[in-house]
């Protein structure tokens, strides 16, 4: 579960809070919760919750859903291994098969080494993705959206700020907040 969610009424930010606080607000203070937009700040996606019943019912459903983890049908579920398809050229498969431990072990090792070499890369990509999704949901028809998205992925803070300046203040400020980790130097520690 994300650590924070943000509630919007069109272009106006109503609340940023953890999920129990947000759900409590929706059940006790919002006059028409169905007209509001909930953003998962970690992913930038809009999310919906089943608000039927009492506040306790809603919180229990959300808690139960968070505890459920789908069990993969293939792989080694106890280890968290999930089988997926990887497409490589024949020369890549030949090289992988010649490595100690086989193809899977070599791919895992290469990924782990790359993650250690660039620890900020994942945080930067997560911030870019979340901000981009958010912008497309709440600023999809705003001038400068495409230019702001290009600046976000180019990590050009000045261009990003210039292209989001004319947006409604709450939308602009939240996009900038979600994007902020993308503009920190990559060599900084997390």
N, C-alpha and C. Protein backbone atom coordinates (compact mmCIF):
# COMPACT_ATOMS: atom_id res chain seq x y z
N UNK A 1 0.83 -1.19 0.00
CA UNK A 1 0.00 0.00 0.00
C UNK A 1 0.87 1.25 0.00
N UNK A 2 0.38 2.25 -0.67
CA UNK A 2 1.09 3.53 -0.71
C UNK A 2 1.05 4.18 0.66
N UNK A 3 2.02 5.03 0.94
CA UNK A 3 2.03 5.70 2.23
C UNK A 3 1.15 6.94 2.24
N UNK A 4 0.86 7.50 1.06
CA UNK A 4 -0.03 8.67 1.04
C UNK A 4 -0.92 8.66 -0.19
N UNK A 5 -2.07 9.25 0.02
CA UNK A 5 -3.07 9.39 -1.03
C UNK A 5 -3.51 10.84 -1.03
N UNK A 6 -3.87 11.35 -2.21
CA UNK A 6 -4.32 12.73 -2.31
C UNK A 6 -5.70 12.75 -2.94
N UNK A 7 -6.55 13.56 -2.37
CA UNK A 7 -7.94 13.66 -2.79
C UNK A 7 -8.14 14.99 -3.50
N UNK A 8 -8.69 14.92 -4.71
CA UNK A 8 -8.97 16.12 -5.51
C UNK A 8 -10.46 16.23 -5.80
N UNK A 9 -10.94 17.47 -5.76
CA UNK A 9 -12.26 17.81 -6.24
C UNK A 9 -12.00 18.69 -7.47
N UNK A 10 -12.06 18.08 -8.63
CA UNK A 10 -11.65 18.71 -9.89
C UNK A 10 -10.20 19.18 -9.76
N UNK A 11 -9.95 20.51 -9.79
CA UNK A 11 -8.58 21.02 -9.73
C UNK A 11 -8.13 21.39 -8.32
N UNK A 12 -8.99 21.14 -7.34
CA UNK A 12 -8.70 21.57 -5.98
C UNK A 12 -8.29 20.40 -5.10
N UNK A 13 -7.13 20.50 -4.49
CA UNK A 13 -6.65 19.47 -3.58
C UNK A 13 -7.38 19.63 -2.25
N UNK A 14 -8.00 18.54 -1.81
CA UNK A 14 -8.74 18.57 -0.55
C UNK A 14 -7.93 18.03 0.62
N UNK A 15 -7.14 16.98 0.35
CA UNK A 15 -6.47 16.30 1.44
C UNK A 15 -5.37 15.40 0.91
N UNK A 16 -4.25 15.39 1.60
CA UNK A 16 -3.21 14.38 1.38
C UNK A 16 -3.00 13.71 2.72
N UNK A 17 -3.15 12.39 2.74
CA UNK A 17 -3.09 11.67 4.02
C UNK A 17 -2.83 10.19 3.79
N UNK A 18 -2.63 9.47 4.90
CA UNK A 18 -2.53 8.02 4.80
C UNK A 18 -3.94 7.49 4.47
N UNK A 19 -4.02 6.24 4.10
CA UNK A 19 -5.30 5.69 3.62
C UNK A 19 -6.39 5.69 4.69
N UNK A 20 -6.14 5.27 5.92
CA UNK A 20 -7.23 5.32 6.90
C UNK A 20 -7.78 6.74 7.11
N UNK A 21 -6.91 7.73 7.15
CA UNK A 21 -7.36 9.11 7.32
C UNK A 21 -8.18 9.56 6.12
N UNK A 22 -7.73 9.22 4.93
CA UNK A 22 -8.45 9.60 3.72
C UNK A 22 -9.82 8.94 3.68
N UNK A 23 -9.89 7.66 3.99
CA UNK A 23 -11.17 6.96 3.97
C UNK A 23 -12.11 7.50 5.05
N UNK A 24 -11.56 7.85 6.18
CA UNK A 24 -12.38 8.46 7.24
C UNK A 24 -12.96 9.78 6.75
N UNK A 25 -12.15 10.58 6.09
CA UNK A 25 -12.64 11.85 5.54
C UNK A 25 -13.76 11.60 4.53
N UNK A 26 -13.55 10.64 3.64
CA UNK A 26 -14.57 10.35 2.62
C UNK A 26 -15.88 9.90 3.24
N UNK A 27 -15.80 9.09 4.28
CA UNK A 27 -17.02 8.57 4.91
C UNK A 27 -17.71 9.59 5.81
N UNK A 28 -16.95 10.49 6.43
CA UNK A 28 -17.54 11.37 7.44
C UNK A 28 -17.73 12.81 6.99
N UNK A 29 -16.95 13.28 6.02
CA UNK A 29 -17.01 14.71 5.68
C UNK A 29 -17.35 15.00 4.23
N UNK A 30 -17.09 14.09 3.32
CA UNK A 30 -17.36 14.35 1.90
C UNK A 30 -18.85 14.21 1.61
N UNK A 31 -19.43 15.20 0.96
CA UNK A 31 -20.85 15.13 0.64
C UNK A 31 -21.13 14.21 -0.54
N UNK A 32 -20.23 14.16 -1.51
CA UNK A 32 -20.40 13.25 -2.66
C UNK A 32 -19.05 12.62 -3.00
N UNK A 33 -18.66 11.57 -2.26
CA UNK A 33 -17.35 10.95 -2.48
C UNK A 33 -17.14 10.44 -3.91
N UNK A 34 -18.23 10.08 -4.59
CA UNK A 34 -18.09 9.54 -5.95
C UNK A 34 -17.62 10.61 -6.94
N UNK A 35 -17.78 11.88 -6.59
CA UNK A 35 -17.37 12.97 -7.48
C UNK A 35 -15.90 13.35 -7.27
N UNK A 36 -15.25 12.73 -6.30
CA UNK A 36 -13.88 13.08 -5.97
C UNK A 36 -12.90 12.10 -6.60
N UNK A 37 -11.70 12.55 -6.80
CA UNK A 37 -10.65 11.73 -7.42
C UNK A 37 -9.58 11.45 -6.38
N UNK A 38 -9.26 10.16 -6.20
CA UNK A 38 -8.23 9.75 -5.26
C UNK A 38 -7.00 9.35 -6.05
N UNK A 39 -5.86 9.93 -5.68
CA UNK A 39 -4.58 9.62 -6.33
C UNK A 39 -3.70 8.87 -5.35
N UNK A 40 -3.17 7.74 -5.78
CA UNK A 40 -2.16 7.01 -5.02
C UNK A 40 -0.84 7.71 -5.33
N UNK A 41 -0.27 8.40 -4.36
CA UNK A 41 0.91 9.23 -4.62
C UNK A 41 2.13 8.40 -5.02
N UNK A 42 2.22 7.16 -4.61
CA UNK A 42 3.38 6.34 -4.97
C UNK A 42 3.38 6.00 -6.46
N UNK A 43 2.21 5.78 -7.03
CA UNK A 43 2.13 5.38 -8.43
C UNK A 43 1.62 6.49 -9.34
N UNK A 44 0.94 7.49 -8.78
CA UNK A 44 0.33 8.53 -9.59
C UNK A 44 -0.98 8.11 -10.21
N UNK A 45 -1.44 6.90 -9.91
CA UNK A 45 -2.68 6.39 -10.48
C UNK A 45 -3.89 6.85 -9.68
N UNK A 46 -5.01 7.01 -10.37
CA UNK A 46 -6.26 7.25 -9.65
C UNK A 46 -6.76 5.89 -9.17
N UNK A 47 -7.32 5.88 -7.97
CA UNK A 47 -7.80 4.63 -7.37
C UNK A 47 -9.21 4.83 -6.83
N UNK A 48 -9.92 3.74 -6.73
CA UNK A 48 -11.28 3.76 -6.18
C UNK A 48 -11.35 2.79 -5.01
N UNK A 49 -12.21 3.09 -4.08
CA UNK A 49 -12.43 2.21 -2.94
C UNK A 49 -13.92 1.98 -2.78
N UNK A 50 -14.27 0.79 -2.34
CA UNK A 50 -15.66 0.45 -2.07
C UNK A 50 -16.04 1.11 -0.75
N UNK A 51 -16.87 2.13 -0.81
CA UNK A 51 -17.23 2.91 0.37
C UNK A 51 -18.58 2.49 0.96
N UNK A 52 -19.10 1.34 0.55
CA UNK A 52 -20.37 0.87 1.10
C UNK A 52 -20.21 0.46 2.56
N UNK A 53 -21.25 0.66 3.32
CA UNK A 53 -21.25 0.24 4.72
C UNK A 53 -20.67 1.31 5.62
N UNK A 54 -20.39 0.90 6.85
CA UNK A 54 -19.85 1.82 7.84
C UNK A 54 -18.36 2.07 7.58
N UNK A 55 -17.82 3.04 8.27
CA UNK A 55 -16.39 3.32 8.17
C UNK A 55 -15.59 2.08 8.56
N UNK A 56 -16.03 1.39 9.60
CA UNK A 56 -15.34 0.17 10.04
C UNK A 56 -15.35 -0.89 8.95
N UNK A 57 -16.48 -1.02 8.23
CA UNK A 57 -16.58 -1.98 7.13
C UNK A 57 -15.58 -1.63 6.03
N UNK A 58 -15.51 -0.35 5.69
CA UNK A 58 -14.61 0.11 4.62
C UNK A 58 -13.16 -0.16 5.02
N UNK A 59 -12.79 0.22 6.23
CA UNK A 59 -11.42 0.01 6.70
C UNK A 59 -11.07 -1.47 6.77
N UNK A 60 -12.01 -2.30 7.18
CA UNK A 60 -11.77 -3.75 7.24
C UNK A 60 -11.56 -4.32 5.85
N UNK A 61 -12.36 -3.87 4.85
CA UNK A 61 -12.19 -4.36 3.48
C UNK A 61 -10.82 -3.97 2.93
N UNK A 62 -10.43 -2.72 3.15
CA UNK A 62 -9.14 -2.25 2.64
C UNK A 62 -7.99 -3.00 3.32
N UNK A 63 -8.11 -3.21 4.62
CA UNK A 63 -7.08 -3.94 5.36
C UNK A 63 -6.98 -5.38 4.87
N UNK A 64 -8.12 -6.02 4.65
CA UNK A 64 -8.12 -7.41 4.16
C UNK A 64 -7.53 -7.49 2.77
N UNK A 65 -7.84 -6.52 1.92
CA UNK A 65 -7.30 -6.52 0.56
C UNK A 65 -5.80 -6.32 0.57
N UNK A 66 -5.30 -5.49 1.48
CA UNK A 66 -3.86 -5.24 1.56
C UNK A 66 -3.10 -6.47 2.04
N UNK A 67 -3.74 -7.27 2.86
CA UNK A 67 -3.08 -8.47 3.38
C UNK A 67 -3.04 -9.60 2.38
N UNK A 68 -3.96 -9.59 1.43
CA UNK A 68 -3.99 -10.64 0.41
C UNK A 68 -2.85 -10.43 -0.56
N UNK A 69 -2.08 -11.46 -0.80
CA UNK A 69 -1.06 -11.42 -1.83
C UNK A 69 -1.34 -12.58 -2.78
N UNK A 70 -1.47 -12.29 -4.04
CA UNK A 70 -1.75 -13.38 -4.98
C UNK A 70 -0.61 -14.38 -5.01
N UNK A 71 -0.96 -15.64 -5.02
CA UNK A 71 0.04 -16.69 -5.08
C UNK A 71 0.33 -17.01 -6.54
N UNK A 72 1.57 -16.84 -6.96
CA UNK A 72 1.91 -17.14 -8.35
C UNK A 72 1.68 -18.62 -8.65
N UNK A 73 1.18 -18.89 -9.83
CA UNK A 73 0.90 -20.27 -10.22
C UNK A 73 2.16 -21.02 -10.61
N UNK A 74 3.16 -20.32 -11.13
CA UNK A 74 4.37 -20.97 -11.57
C UNK A 74 5.56 -20.39 -10.81
N UNK A 75 6.71 -20.97 -11.01
CA UNK A 75 7.92 -20.49 -10.35
C UNK A 75 8.08 -21.12 -8.99
N UNK A 76 8.75 -20.44 -8.10
CA UNK A 76 8.97 -20.91 -6.73
C UNK A 76 8.27 -19.93 -5.80
N UNK A 77 6.95 -20.12 -5.59
CA UNK A 77 6.17 -19.13 -4.83
C UNK A 77 6.70 -18.86 -3.43
N UNK A 78 7.24 -19.87 -2.75
CA UNK A 78 7.73 -19.66 -1.39
C UNK A 78 8.91 -18.70 -1.37
N UNK A 79 9.64 -18.63 -2.46
CA UNK A 79 10.78 -17.72 -2.55
C UNK A 79 10.40 -16.40 -3.20
N UNK A 80 9.18 -16.30 -3.67
CA UNK A 80 8.75 -15.08 -4.34
C UNK A 80 9.13 -15.04 -5.81
N UNK A 81 9.54 -16.18 -6.35
CA UNK A 81 9.95 -16.25 -7.74
C UNK A 81 8.72 -16.32 -8.63
N UNK A 82 8.73 -15.51 -9.66
CA UNK A 82 7.64 -15.49 -10.62
C UNK A 82 8.23 -15.73 -12.00
N UNK A 83 7.67 -16.69 -12.72
CA UNK A 83 8.15 -16.99 -14.06
C UNK A 83 7.50 -16.04 -15.05
N UNK A 84 8.33 -15.45 -15.91
CA UNK A 84 7.84 -14.59 -16.99
C UNK A 84 8.70 -14.86 -18.21
N UNK A 85 8.26 -14.35 -19.32
CA UNK A 85 8.96 -14.59 -20.57
C UNK A 85 10.01 -13.50 -20.81
N UNK A 86 11.18 -13.91 -21.28
CA UNK A 86 12.23 -12.98 -21.69
C UNK A 86 12.58 -13.33 -23.12
N UNK A 87 12.64 -12.33 -23.98
CA UNK A 87 12.97 -12.56 -25.38
C UNK A 87 14.37 -12.03 -25.65
N UNK A 88 15.25 -12.92 -26.10
CA UNK A 88 16.63 -12.56 -26.40
C UNK A 88 17.02 -13.15 -27.75
N UNK A 89 18.06 -12.61 -28.31
CA UNK A 89 18.63 -13.17 -29.54
C UNK A 89 19.39 -14.45 -29.21
N UNK A 90 19.58 -15.32 -30.19
CA UNK A 90 20.29 -16.59 -29.93
C UNK A 90 21.67 -16.39 -29.29
N UNK A 91 22.41 -15.37 -29.70
CA UNK A 91 23.74 -15.17 -29.11
C UNK A 91 23.65 -14.82 -27.63
N UNK A 92 22.57 -14.13 -27.22
CA UNK A 92 22.38 -13.80 -25.81
C UNK A 92 22.08 -15.06 -25.00
N UNK A 93 21.21 -15.93 -25.57
CA UNK A 93 20.90 -17.18 -24.88
C UNK A 93 22.15 -18.04 -24.75
N UNK A 94 22.97 -18.07 -25.79
CA UNK A 94 24.20 -18.88 -25.74
C UNK A 94 25.12 -18.37 -24.63
N UNK A 95 25.28 -17.08 -24.55
CA UNK A 95 26.15 -16.51 -23.53
C UNK A 95 25.59 -16.81 -22.13
N UNK A 96 24.28 -16.61 -21.94
CA UNK A 96 23.67 -16.86 -20.64
C UNK A 96 23.80 -18.32 -20.22
N UNK A 97 23.58 -19.21 -21.14
CA UNK A 97 23.65 -20.65 -20.82
C UNK A 97 25.05 -21.08 -20.46
N UNK A 98 26.08 -20.35 -20.93
CA UNK A 98 27.46 -20.69 -20.62
C UNK A 98 27.91 -20.15 -19.26
N UNK A 99 27.09 -19.32 -18.63
CA UNK A 99 27.46 -18.71 -17.36
C UNK A 99 27.21 -19.68 -16.20
N UNK A 100 28.01 -19.56 -15.14
CA UNK A 100 27.79 -20.42 -13.97
C UNK A 100 26.41 -20.16 -13.35
N UNK A 101 25.68 -21.21 -13.07
CA UNK A 101 24.36 -21.07 -12.46
C UNK A 101 23.23 -20.99 -13.47
N UNK A 102 23.55 -20.85 -14.74
CA UNK A 102 22.52 -20.81 -15.76
C UNK A 102 21.97 -19.42 -16.02
N UNK A 103 21.00 -19.37 -16.91
CA UNK A 103 20.45 -18.10 -17.38
C UNK A 103 19.75 -17.31 -16.27
N UNK A 104 18.90 -17.95 -15.50
CA UNK A 104 18.14 -17.22 -14.47
C UNK A 104 19.05 -16.63 -13.41
N UNK A 105 19.99 -17.42 -12.93
CA UNK A 105 20.92 -16.94 -11.90
C UNK A 105 21.76 -15.79 -12.43
N UNK A 106 22.19 -15.88 -13.68
CA UNK A 106 23.01 -14.82 -14.27
C UNK A 106 22.20 -13.53 -14.43
N UNK A 107 20.96 -13.65 -14.89
CA UNK A 107 20.11 -12.46 -15.03
C UNK A 107 19.86 -11.80 -13.67
N UNK A 108 19.58 -12.61 -12.65
CA UNK A 108 19.37 -12.04 -11.31
C UNK A 108 20.62 -11.32 -10.82
N UNK A 109 21.79 -11.93 -11.03
CA UNK A 109 23.05 -11.32 -10.60
C UNK A 109 23.31 -10.01 -11.34
N UNK A 110 23.10 -10.00 -12.66
CA UNK A 110 23.30 -8.78 -13.44
C UNK A 110 22.37 -7.66 -12.99
N UNK A 111 21.12 -7.99 -12.71
CA UNK A 111 20.16 -6.99 -12.25
C UNK A 111 20.58 -6.45 -10.90
N UNK A 112 20.95 -7.33 -9.98
CA UNK A 112 21.38 -6.88 -8.64
C UNK A 112 22.61 -5.99 -8.71
N UNK A 113 23.56 -6.35 -9.57
CA UNK A 113 24.77 -5.53 -9.73
C UNK A 113 24.42 -4.14 -10.27
N UNK A 114 23.52 -4.08 -11.24
CA UNK A 114 23.11 -2.80 -11.83
C UNK A 114 22.38 -1.94 -10.81
N UNK A 115 21.53 -2.57 -9.99
CA UNK A 115 20.81 -1.83 -8.95
C UNK A 115 21.78 -1.25 -7.93
N UNK A 116 22.82 -2.00 -7.59
CA UNK A 116 23.83 -1.50 -6.63
C UNK A 116 24.64 -0.36 -7.23
N UNK A 117 24.91 -0.45 -8.52
CA UNK A 117 25.71 0.56 -9.20
C UNK A 117 24.96 1.89 -9.33
N UNK A 118 23.64 1.84 -9.46
CA UNK A 118 22.82 3.04 -9.66
C UNK A 118 21.63 3.01 -8.70
N UNK A 119 21.86 3.22 -7.41
CA UNK A 119 20.77 3.08 -6.43
C UNK A 119 19.65 4.10 -6.59
N UNK A 120 19.90 5.27 -7.13
CA UNK A 120 18.87 6.30 -7.26
C UNK A 120 18.02 6.12 -8.52
N UNK A 121 18.50 5.32 -9.45
CA UNK A 121 17.79 5.20 -10.73
C UNK A 121 16.34 4.75 -10.54
N UNK A 122 16.10 3.79 -9.66
CA UNK A 122 14.73 3.31 -9.44
C UNK A 122 13.85 4.39 -8.83
N UNK A 123 14.38 5.15 -7.89
CA UNK A 123 13.60 6.22 -7.26
C UNK A 123 13.27 7.31 -8.28
N UNK A 124 14.22 7.61 -9.14
CA UNK A 124 14.01 8.62 -10.18
C UNK A 124 12.93 8.14 -11.15
N UNK A 125 13.04 6.91 -11.59
CA UNK A 125 12.05 6.36 -12.52
C UNK A 125 10.67 6.29 -11.88
N UNK A 126 10.60 5.90 -10.62
CA UNK A 126 9.30 5.85 -9.93
C UNK A 126 8.68 7.23 -9.83
N UNK A 127 9.49 8.25 -9.53
CA UNK A 127 8.97 9.63 -9.44
C UNK A 127 8.51 10.11 -10.81
N UNK A 128 9.28 9.83 -11.85
CA UNK A 128 8.89 10.24 -13.20
C UNK A 128 7.57 9.59 -13.60
N UNK A 129 7.45 8.29 -13.33
CA UNK A 129 6.25 7.56 -13.70
C UNK A 129 5.03 8.07 -12.94
N UNK A 130 5.17 8.26 -11.63
CA UNK A 130 4.05 8.73 -10.82
C UNK A 130 3.62 10.14 -11.25
N UNK A 131 4.58 11.02 -11.44
CA UNK A 131 4.25 12.39 -11.85
C UNK A 131 3.60 12.40 -13.24
N UNK A 132 4.12 11.60 -14.14
CA UNK A 132 3.56 11.54 -15.50
C UNK A 132 2.12 11.03 -15.48
N UNK A 133 1.88 9.96 -14.74
CA UNK A 133 0.51 9.44 -14.65
C UNK A 133 -0.43 10.49 -14.05
N UNK A 134 0.02 11.11 -12.97
CA UNK A 134 -0.80 12.14 -12.32
C UNK A 134 -1.11 13.28 -13.30
N UNK A 135 -0.08 13.74 -14.00
CA UNK A 135 -0.28 14.85 -14.93
C UNK A 135 -1.28 14.49 -16.02
N UNK A 136 -1.22 13.27 -16.52
CA UNK A 136 -2.15 12.88 -17.57
C UNK A 136 -3.58 12.77 -17.06
N UNK A 137 -3.74 12.44 -15.78
CA UNK A 137 -5.08 12.36 -15.21
C UNK A 137 -5.65 13.76 -14.94
N UNK A 138 -4.87 14.62 -14.30
CA UNK A 138 -5.41 15.91 -13.87
C UNK A 138 -5.01 17.10 -14.73
N UNK A 139 -4.06 16.92 -15.62
CA UNK A 139 -3.66 18.03 -16.49
C UNK A 139 -3.65 17.60 -17.95
N UNK A 140 -4.41 16.56 -18.25
CA UNK A 140 -4.40 16.00 -19.60
C UNK A 140 -4.76 16.96 -20.71
N UNK A 141 -5.56 17.96 -20.40
CA UNK A 141 -5.96 18.93 -21.43
C UNK A 141 -5.33 20.30 -21.20
N UNK A 142 -4.36 20.37 -20.34
CA UNK A 142 -3.72 21.66 -20.02
C UNK A 142 -2.61 21.98 -21.02
N UNK A 143 -2.43 23.27 -21.31
CA UNK A 143 -1.31 23.64 -22.17
C UNK A 143 0.01 23.29 -21.49
N UNK A 144 0.93 22.83 -22.28
CA UNK A 144 2.26 22.52 -21.77
C UNK A 144 2.43 21.12 -21.24
N UNK A 145 1.37 20.29 -21.28
CA UNK A 145 1.48 18.93 -20.73
C UNK A 145 2.57 18.13 -21.41
N UNK A 146 2.56 18.08 -22.73
CA UNK A 146 3.56 17.26 -23.44
C UNK A 146 4.97 17.78 -23.19
N UNK A 147 5.11 19.09 -23.19
CA UNK A 147 6.43 19.67 -22.94
C UNK A 147 6.88 19.40 -21.51
N UNK A 148 5.94 19.45 -20.54
CA UNK A 148 6.28 19.15 -19.15
C UNK A 148 6.69 17.69 -19.00
N UNK A 149 6.00 16.80 -19.69
CA UNK A 149 6.35 15.38 -19.62
C UNK A 149 7.75 15.14 -20.21
N UNK A 150 8.03 15.79 -21.34
CA UNK A 150 9.37 15.64 -21.93
C UNK A 150 10.44 16.18 -20.98
N UNK A 151 10.17 17.31 -20.35
CA UNK A 151 11.12 17.90 -19.41
C UNK A 151 11.30 16.99 -18.19
N UNK A 152 10.23 16.37 -17.75
CA UNK A 152 10.30 15.46 -16.61
C UNK A 152 11.25 14.31 -16.90
N UNK A 153 11.10 13.68 -18.06
CA UNK A 153 11.95 12.54 -18.41
C UNK A 153 13.37 12.97 -18.78
N UNK A 154 13.53 14.21 -19.24
CA UNK A 154 14.86 14.74 -19.53
C UNK A 154 15.52 15.26 -18.26
N UNK A 155 14.74 15.31 -17.17
CA UNK A 155 15.22 15.81 -15.88
C UNK A 155 15.67 17.27 -16.00
N UNK A 156 14.87 18.04 -16.72
CA UNK A 156 15.11 19.47 -16.92
C UNK A 156 14.12 20.24 -16.04
N UNK A 157 14.54 20.56 -14.83
CA UNK A 157 13.66 21.19 -13.84
C UNK A 157 13.13 22.53 -14.32
N UNK A 158 13.98 23.35 -14.90
CA UNK A 158 13.54 24.68 -15.34
C UNK A 158 12.42 24.56 -16.38
N UNK A 159 12.57 23.68 -17.34
CA UNK A 159 11.54 23.50 -18.37
C UNK A 159 10.27 22.89 -17.78
N UNK A 160 10.43 21.97 -16.85
CA UNK A 160 9.27 21.36 -16.19
C UNK A 160 8.46 22.43 -15.46
N UNK A 161 9.15 23.25 -14.68
CA UNK A 161 8.46 24.31 -13.93
C UNK A 161 7.82 25.33 -14.87
N UNK A 162 8.51 25.69 -15.94
CA UNK A 162 7.96 26.67 -16.88
C UNK A 162 6.69 26.14 -17.55
N UNK A 163 6.68 24.85 -17.88
CA UNK A 163 5.53 24.29 -18.59
C UNK A 163 4.36 23.93 -17.68
N UNK A 164 4.58 23.91 -16.38
CA UNK A 164 3.48 23.64 -15.45
C UNK A 164 2.99 24.91 -14.76
N UNK A 165 3.64 26.03 -14.99
CA UNK A 165 3.33 27.27 -14.28
C UNK A 165 1.89 27.74 -14.45
N UNK A 166 1.32 27.56 -15.64
CA UNK A 166 -0.03 28.08 -15.89
C UNK A 166 -1.14 27.15 -15.39
N UNK A 167 -0.79 26.00 -14.87
CA UNK A 167 -1.80 25.05 -14.41
C UNK A 167 -2.44 25.55 -13.11
N UNK A 168 -3.62 25.04 -12.78
CA UNK A 168 -4.23 25.40 -11.49
C UNK A 168 -3.23 25.11 -10.36
N UNK A 169 -3.14 25.98 -9.38
CA UNK A 169 -2.10 25.86 -8.35
C UNK A 169 -2.00 24.49 -7.67
N UNK A 170 -3.12 23.88 -7.30
CA UNK A 170 -3.06 22.59 -6.61
C UNK A 170 -2.54 21.48 -7.52
N UNK A 171 -2.97 21.50 -8.78
CA UNK A 171 -2.51 20.49 -9.74
C UNK A 171 -1.02 20.70 -10.02
N UNK A 172 -0.62 21.93 -10.27
CA UNK A 172 0.78 22.27 -10.53
C UNK A 172 1.66 21.86 -9.35
N UNK A 173 1.26 22.25 -8.15
CA UNK A 173 2.09 21.98 -6.98
C UNK A 173 2.19 20.49 -6.68
N UNK A 174 1.10 19.75 -6.89
CA UNK A 174 1.17 18.31 -6.62
C UNK A 174 2.01 17.60 -7.69
N UNK A 175 1.90 18.02 -8.92
CA UNK A 175 2.76 17.44 -9.98
C UNK A 175 4.23 17.68 -9.63
N UNK A 176 4.54 18.87 -9.20
CA UNK A 176 5.93 19.20 -8.82
C UNK A 176 6.39 18.40 -7.61
N UNK A 177 5.50 18.20 -6.66
CA UNK A 177 5.84 17.40 -5.48
C UNK A 177 6.15 15.95 -5.87
N UNK A 178 5.29 15.36 -6.70
CA UNK A 178 5.52 13.98 -7.13
C UNK A 178 6.79 13.85 -7.97
N UNK A 179 7.08 14.89 -8.76
CA UNK A 179 8.24 14.85 -9.66
C UNK A 179 9.56 15.18 -8.96
N UNK A 180 9.52 15.79 -7.80
CA UNK A 180 10.74 16.30 -7.14
C UNK A 180 11.88 15.29 -7.06
N UNK A 181 11.65 14.03 -6.68
CA UNK A 181 12.78 13.09 -6.62
C UNK A 181 13.47 12.86 -7.97
N UNK A 182 12.75 13.11 -9.06
CA UNK A 182 13.34 12.91 -10.39
C UNK A 182 14.38 13.97 -10.70
N UNK A 183 14.34 15.08 -9.99
CA UNK A 183 15.26 16.18 -10.29
C UNK A 183 16.45 16.25 -9.33
N UNK A 184 16.57 15.27 -8.44
CA UNK A 184 17.74 15.24 -7.56
C UNK A 184 18.88 14.55 -8.28
N UNK A 185 20.11 14.89 -7.97
CA UNK A 185 21.24 14.25 -8.64
C UNK A 185 21.23 12.74 -8.44
N UNK A 186 21.54 12.00 -9.49
CA UNK A 186 21.49 10.54 -9.44
C UNK A 186 22.49 9.95 -8.46
N UNK A 187 23.61 10.61 -8.22
CA UNK A 187 24.61 10.04 -7.33
C UNK A 187 24.29 10.25 -5.85
N UNK A 188 23.25 11.04 -5.54
CA UNK A 188 22.85 11.22 -4.14
C UNK A 188 22.35 9.92 -3.58
N UNK A 189 22.55 9.72 -2.28
CA UNK A 189 22.03 8.51 -1.66
C UNK A 189 20.55 8.65 -1.43
N UNK A 190 19.87 7.53 -1.35
CA UNK A 190 18.42 7.52 -1.19
C UNK A 190 18.05 7.89 0.22
